[in-house]
Protein backbone atom coordinates (compact mmCIF):
# COMPACT_ATOMS: atom_id res chain seq x y z
CA MET A 1 -1.65 -15.88 24.34
CA ALA A 2 0.16 -19.17 23.55
CA GLY A 3 1.16 -19.30 19.86
CA TRP A 4 0.76 -15.50 19.35
CA GLY A 5 4.39 -14.55 19.98
CA SER A 6 5.64 -14.65 16.37
CA PHE A 7 2.58 -12.67 15.15
CA LEU A 8 2.90 -9.96 17.74
CA ALA A 9 6.68 -9.68 17.14
CA ALA A 10 6.16 -9.34 13.36
CA LEU A 11 3.40 -6.79 13.98
CA LEU A 12 5.65 -4.74 16.18
CA VAL A 13 8.57 -4.79 13.71
CA PHE A 14 6.24 -3.77 10.84
CA MET A 15 4.77 -0.87 12.71
CA LEU A 16 8.19 0.41 13.86
CA SER A 17 9.56 0.04 10.28
CA HIS A 18 6.89 2.54 9.21
CA VAL A 19 6.83 4.86 12.18
CA ILE A 20 10.61 5.45 12.55
CA PRO A 21 11.45 6.21 8.84
CA ALA A 22 8.41 8.51 8.68
CA ARG A 23 10.20 10.93 11.10
CA PRO A 24 11.50 13.82 8.94
CA ALA A 25 15.03 13.81 10.47
CA VAL A 26 15.44 10.07 10.02
CA ARG A 27 13.98 10.09 6.54
CA GLU A 28 16.18 12.97 5.35
CA ARG A 29 19.31 11.37 6.81
CA LEU A 30 18.58 8.04 5.04
CA ILE A 31 17.92 9.81 1.76
CA ASP A 32 21.19 11.78 2.07
CA THR A 33 23.06 8.59 2.79
CA LEU A 34 21.45 6.28 0.19
CA GLY A 35 20.18 8.79 -2.38
CA ARG A 36 16.50 9.18 -3.10
CA THR A 37 16.21 6.13 -5.45
CA GLY A 38 18.41 3.98 -3.23
CA TYR A 39 16.34 4.90 -0.16
CA PHE A 40 13.01 3.93 -1.78
CA ALA A 41 14.51 0.70 -3.26
CA ALA A 42 15.99 -0.38 0.09
CA TYR A 43 12.94 0.65 2.10
CA SER A 44 10.56 -1.10 -0.32
CA THR A 45 12.61 -4.32 -0.19
CA PHE A 46 12.78 -4.32 3.63
CA SER A 47 9.05 -3.46 3.94
CA LEU A 48 8.15 -6.37 1.60
CA ALA A 49 10.26 -8.75 3.63
CA VAL A 50 8.74 -7.73 6.96
CA LEU A 51 5.22 -7.81 5.32
CA THR A 52 5.79 -11.38 4.15
CA TRP A 53 6.92 -12.41 7.69
CA LEU A 54 3.89 -10.71 9.21
CA ILE A 55 1.41 -12.47 6.79
CA ILE A 56 3.03 -15.88 7.41
CA ALA A 57 2.89 -15.27 11.24
CA ALA A 58 -0.75 -14.32 11.00
CA ALA A 59 -1.48 -17.53 9.09
CA GLN A 60 0.24 -19.58 11.74
CA ALA A 61 -1.40 -17.91 14.78
CA PRO A 62 -4.21 -19.80 16.63
CA TYR A 63 -7.43 -19.79 14.71
CA VAL A 64 -10.30 -17.74 16.21
CA GLU A 65 -13.24 -17.22 13.87
CA VAL A 66 -14.51 -13.63 13.51
CA ILE A 67 -15.98 -13.70 9.95
CA PRO A 68 -17.49 -16.99 8.63
CA PRO A 69 -15.37 -18.52 5.82
CA LEU A 70 -18.00 -18.18 3.08
CA ALA A 71 -16.98 -19.42 -0.33
CA VAL A 72 -18.11 -16.19 -1.99
CA PHE A 73 -15.60 -14.19 0.04
CA ARG A 74 -12.70 -16.06 -1.57
CA TRP A 75 -13.51 -14.31 -4.85
CA VAL A 76 -13.14 -10.81 -3.42
CA PRO A 77 -9.25 -10.65 -3.45
CA LEU A 78 -9.16 -12.16 -6.98
CA LEU A 79 -11.37 -9.30 -8.24
CA VAL A 80 -9.81 -6.53 -6.17
CA MET A 81 -6.06 -7.38 -6.52
CA PRO A 82 -5.74 -6.36 -10.19
CA VAL A 83 -6.92 -2.84 -9.20
CA VAL A 84 -4.46 -2.92 -6.25
CA CYS A 85 -1.55 -3.93 -8.54
CA TRP A 86 -2.44 -1.19 -11.06
CA LEU A 87 -2.63 1.48 -8.37
CA ALA A 88 0.67 0.32 -6.80
CA VAL A 89 2.57 0.29 -10.02
CA ALA A 90 1.09 3.53 -11.39
CA GLY A 91 1.64 5.23 -8.09
CA LEU A 92 5.31 4.26 -7.85
CA VAL A 93 6.33 5.37 -11.35
CA ILE A 94 5.17 8.96 -11.12
CA GLN A 95 6.40 12.07 -9.39
CA ASN A 96 3.99 12.60 -6.42
CA PRO A 97 4.60 15.75 -4.28
CA PHE A 98 1.69 14.82 -2.05
CA SER A 99 2.39 11.25 -0.84
CA PHE A 100 4.27 8.00 -1.16
CA GLY A 101 5.76 6.94 -4.47
CA GLY A 102 7.75 9.44 -6.41
CA LEU A 103 10.21 7.20 -8.32
CA GLY A 104 9.25 8.78 -11.66
CA ARG A 105 11.53 11.32 -13.34
CA LYS A 106 8.89 13.34 -15.22
CA PRO A 107 8.07 16.47 -13.18
CA PHE A 108 4.50 16.68 -11.71
CA ASP A 109 2.24 18.93 -13.76
CA PRO A 110 -0.69 20.39 -11.78
CA ASP A 111 -2.64 20.95 -15.01
CA ASN A 112 -2.23 17.28 -15.97
CA PRO A 113 -2.11 15.35 -12.74
CA GLY A 114 -2.77 11.96 -14.21
CA LEU A 115 -3.47 9.36 -11.50
CA LEU A 116 -3.46 12.07 -8.81
CA ARG A 117 -6.68 13.33 -10.25
CA THR A 118 -8.26 10.15 -8.80
CA THR A 119 -6.24 10.02 -5.64
CA ARG A 120 -3.20 11.83 -4.17
CA HIS A 121 -2.40 8.63 -2.31
CA PRO A 122 -2.41 5.67 -4.85
CA ILE A 123 -0.16 3.52 -2.64
CA LEU A 124 -2.33 4.03 0.42
CA VAL A 125 -5.50 3.32 -1.52
CA ALA A 126 -3.95 0.16 -2.84
CA LEU A 127 -3.04 -0.88 0.69
CA MET A 128 -6.59 -0.13 1.88
CA LEU A 129 -8.27 -2.13 -0.86
CA TRP A 130 -5.85 -4.98 -0.38
CA ALA A 131 -6.61 -5.04 3.34
CA PHE A 132 -10.40 -4.89 3.01
CA ALA A 133 -10.37 -7.68 0.40
CA HIS A 134 -8.26 -9.94 2.63
CA ILE A 135 -10.35 -9.27 5.72
CA LEU A 136 -13.33 -10.94 4.01
CA ALA A 137 -11.29 -13.86 2.64
CA ASN A 138 -9.45 -14.50 5.99
CA GLY A 139 -11.86 -13.97 8.86
CA SER A 140 -9.74 -15.28 11.70
CA LEU A 141 -8.92 -12.97 14.57
CA SER A 142 -5.21 -12.59 13.61
CA HIS A 143 -6.12 -11.69 10.08
CA VAL A 144 -8.87 -9.23 11.11
CA ILE A 145 -6.36 -7.53 13.41
CA LEU A 146 -3.65 -7.60 10.67
CA PHE A 147 -5.71 -6.31 7.73
CA GLY A 148 -7.86 -4.08 9.89
CA LEU A 149 -4.75 -2.23 11.11
CA PHE A 150 -3.51 -1.85 7.54
CA ALA A 151 -6.82 -0.50 6.36
CA GLY A 152 -7.02 1.95 9.29
CA PHE A 153 -3.38 2.99 8.76
CA ALA A 154 -4.06 3.71 5.10
CA TRP A 155 -7.27 5.66 5.70
CA MET A 156 -5.78 7.78 8.54
CA GLY A 157 -2.53 8.24 6.65
CA MET A 158 -4.21 9.93 3.71
CA ALA A 159 -5.65 12.69 6.01
CA LEU A 160 -2.46 13.02 8.05
CA ILE A 161 -0.26 13.36 5.00
CA ASP A 162 -2.58 15.93 3.43
CA ARG A 163 -2.39 18.12 6.49
CA ARG A 164 1.41 17.76 6.68
CA LYS A 165 1.81 18.66 3.02
CA GLN A 166 -0.47 21.63 3.34
CA ARG A 167 1.84 22.99 6.07
CA GLN A 168 4.94 22.21 4.09
CA LEU A 169 3.76 23.67 0.78
CA GLY A 170 1.98 26.64 2.21
CA GLN A 171 0.46 28.82 -0.54
CA ASP A 172 1.69 26.39 -3.21
CA TRP A 173 -0.74 23.79 -1.89
CA GLU A 174 -3.77 25.32 -3.64
CA ARG A 175 -1.93 25.73 -6.91
CA LEU A 176 -0.47 22.24 -6.95
CA SER A 177 -3.44 20.34 -5.58
CA ARG A 178 -6.29 22.13 -7.35
CA ASN A 179 -6.88 19.26 -9.91
CA THR A 180 -6.18 16.45 -7.51
CA ALA A 181 -8.28 14.63 -4.92
CA ARG A 182 -7.71 12.71 -1.73
CA LEU A 183 -9.92 9.94 -3.03
CA SER A 184 -12.42 10.14 -5.83
CA LEU A 185 -13.93 8.14 -8.72
CA ARG A 186 -12.61 10.54 -11.39
CA ILE A 187 -10.78 8.86 -14.28
CA PRO A 188 -7.02 9.67 -14.40
CA LYS A 189 -6.12 12.25 -17.12
CA PRO A 190 -3.88 11.37 -18.83
CA LEU A 191 -4.14 7.65 -18.27
CA PRO A 192 -0.89 5.72 -17.42
CA ARG A 193 1.06 4.43 -20.34
CA ALA A 194 0.57 0.89 -21.69
CA TRP A 195 3.70 -0.45 -20.00
CA VAL A 196 2.22 0.40 -16.56
CA TRP A 197 -0.91 -1.72 -17.34
CA LEU A 198 1.24 -4.56 -18.55
CA THR A 199 3.49 -4.43 -15.48
CA ALA A 200 0.39 -4.43 -13.25
CA ILE A 201 -0.94 -7.53 -15.07
CA VAL A 202 2.41 -9.31 -14.73
CA SER A 203 2.61 -8.36 -11.08
CA TYR A 204 -0.84 -9.76 -10.45
CA ALA A 205 0.12 -13.00 -12.22
CA VAL A 206 3.29 -13.31 -10.17
CA LEU A 207 1.41 -12.76 -6.93
CA LEU A 208 -1.07 -15.45 -7.89
CA HIS A 209 1.75 -17.84 -8.67
CA LEU A 210 3.73 -17.14 -5.52
CA HIS A 211 0.85 -16.91 -3.05
CA ALA A 212 0.62 -20.59 -2.34
CA PRO A 213 4.38 -21.33 -1.93
CA LEU A 214 5.00 -18.21 0.08
CA ILE A 215 1.85 -17.90 2.17
CA GLY A 216 0.90 -21.58 2.23
CA LEU A 217 -2.64 -21.04 0.93
CA SER A 218 -3.94 -20.97 -2.63
CA PRO A 219 -5.76 -17.73 -3.44
CA LEU A 220 -8.08 -19.63 -5.88
CA PRO A 221 -11.61 -20.48 -4.68
């Protein structure tokens, strides 16, 4: 296990940072203290910092090959990440009574669910796509563990959150969710506004630019 200490520590902190705030009592107390917007801003900043630490620790862990480093796999994240950025931005800026996100001010309209017509869990779908893409491009044992856990967390999280929301919403669940889907290929209606697409493109460009200095590896093939 020599050389694995930092990776395991980062993985533990990351998991705890998602398990503990997910407890209703803890989450509600934090929201009461920081306000809804303050809570999401602080939690997102902390999560990104821990995620950066975890990714760096995985890159520095001893190399054990699981998936061969084929050149074609290096293209997968480049093609998938624009979709990931779009889902993340579009999911954060809407009101979402079903899952993560919810920074938007416009009330959710069950007759015009927008992105939620495609998926009630845009942030989790973005996480899952990001993880699968990076498993192929980084086939070492530490990265397979890292990204495999992320993908599994996202996939199971969608089902768990749906069940929890059904209990919380009761009879309102059918009315609110009737035009939404856990995960589908349906086109969002209405589509996100132009500034959401622009923000996603800028976010993708920033990630490309910062990947090498932060992670230590160029994302370009």
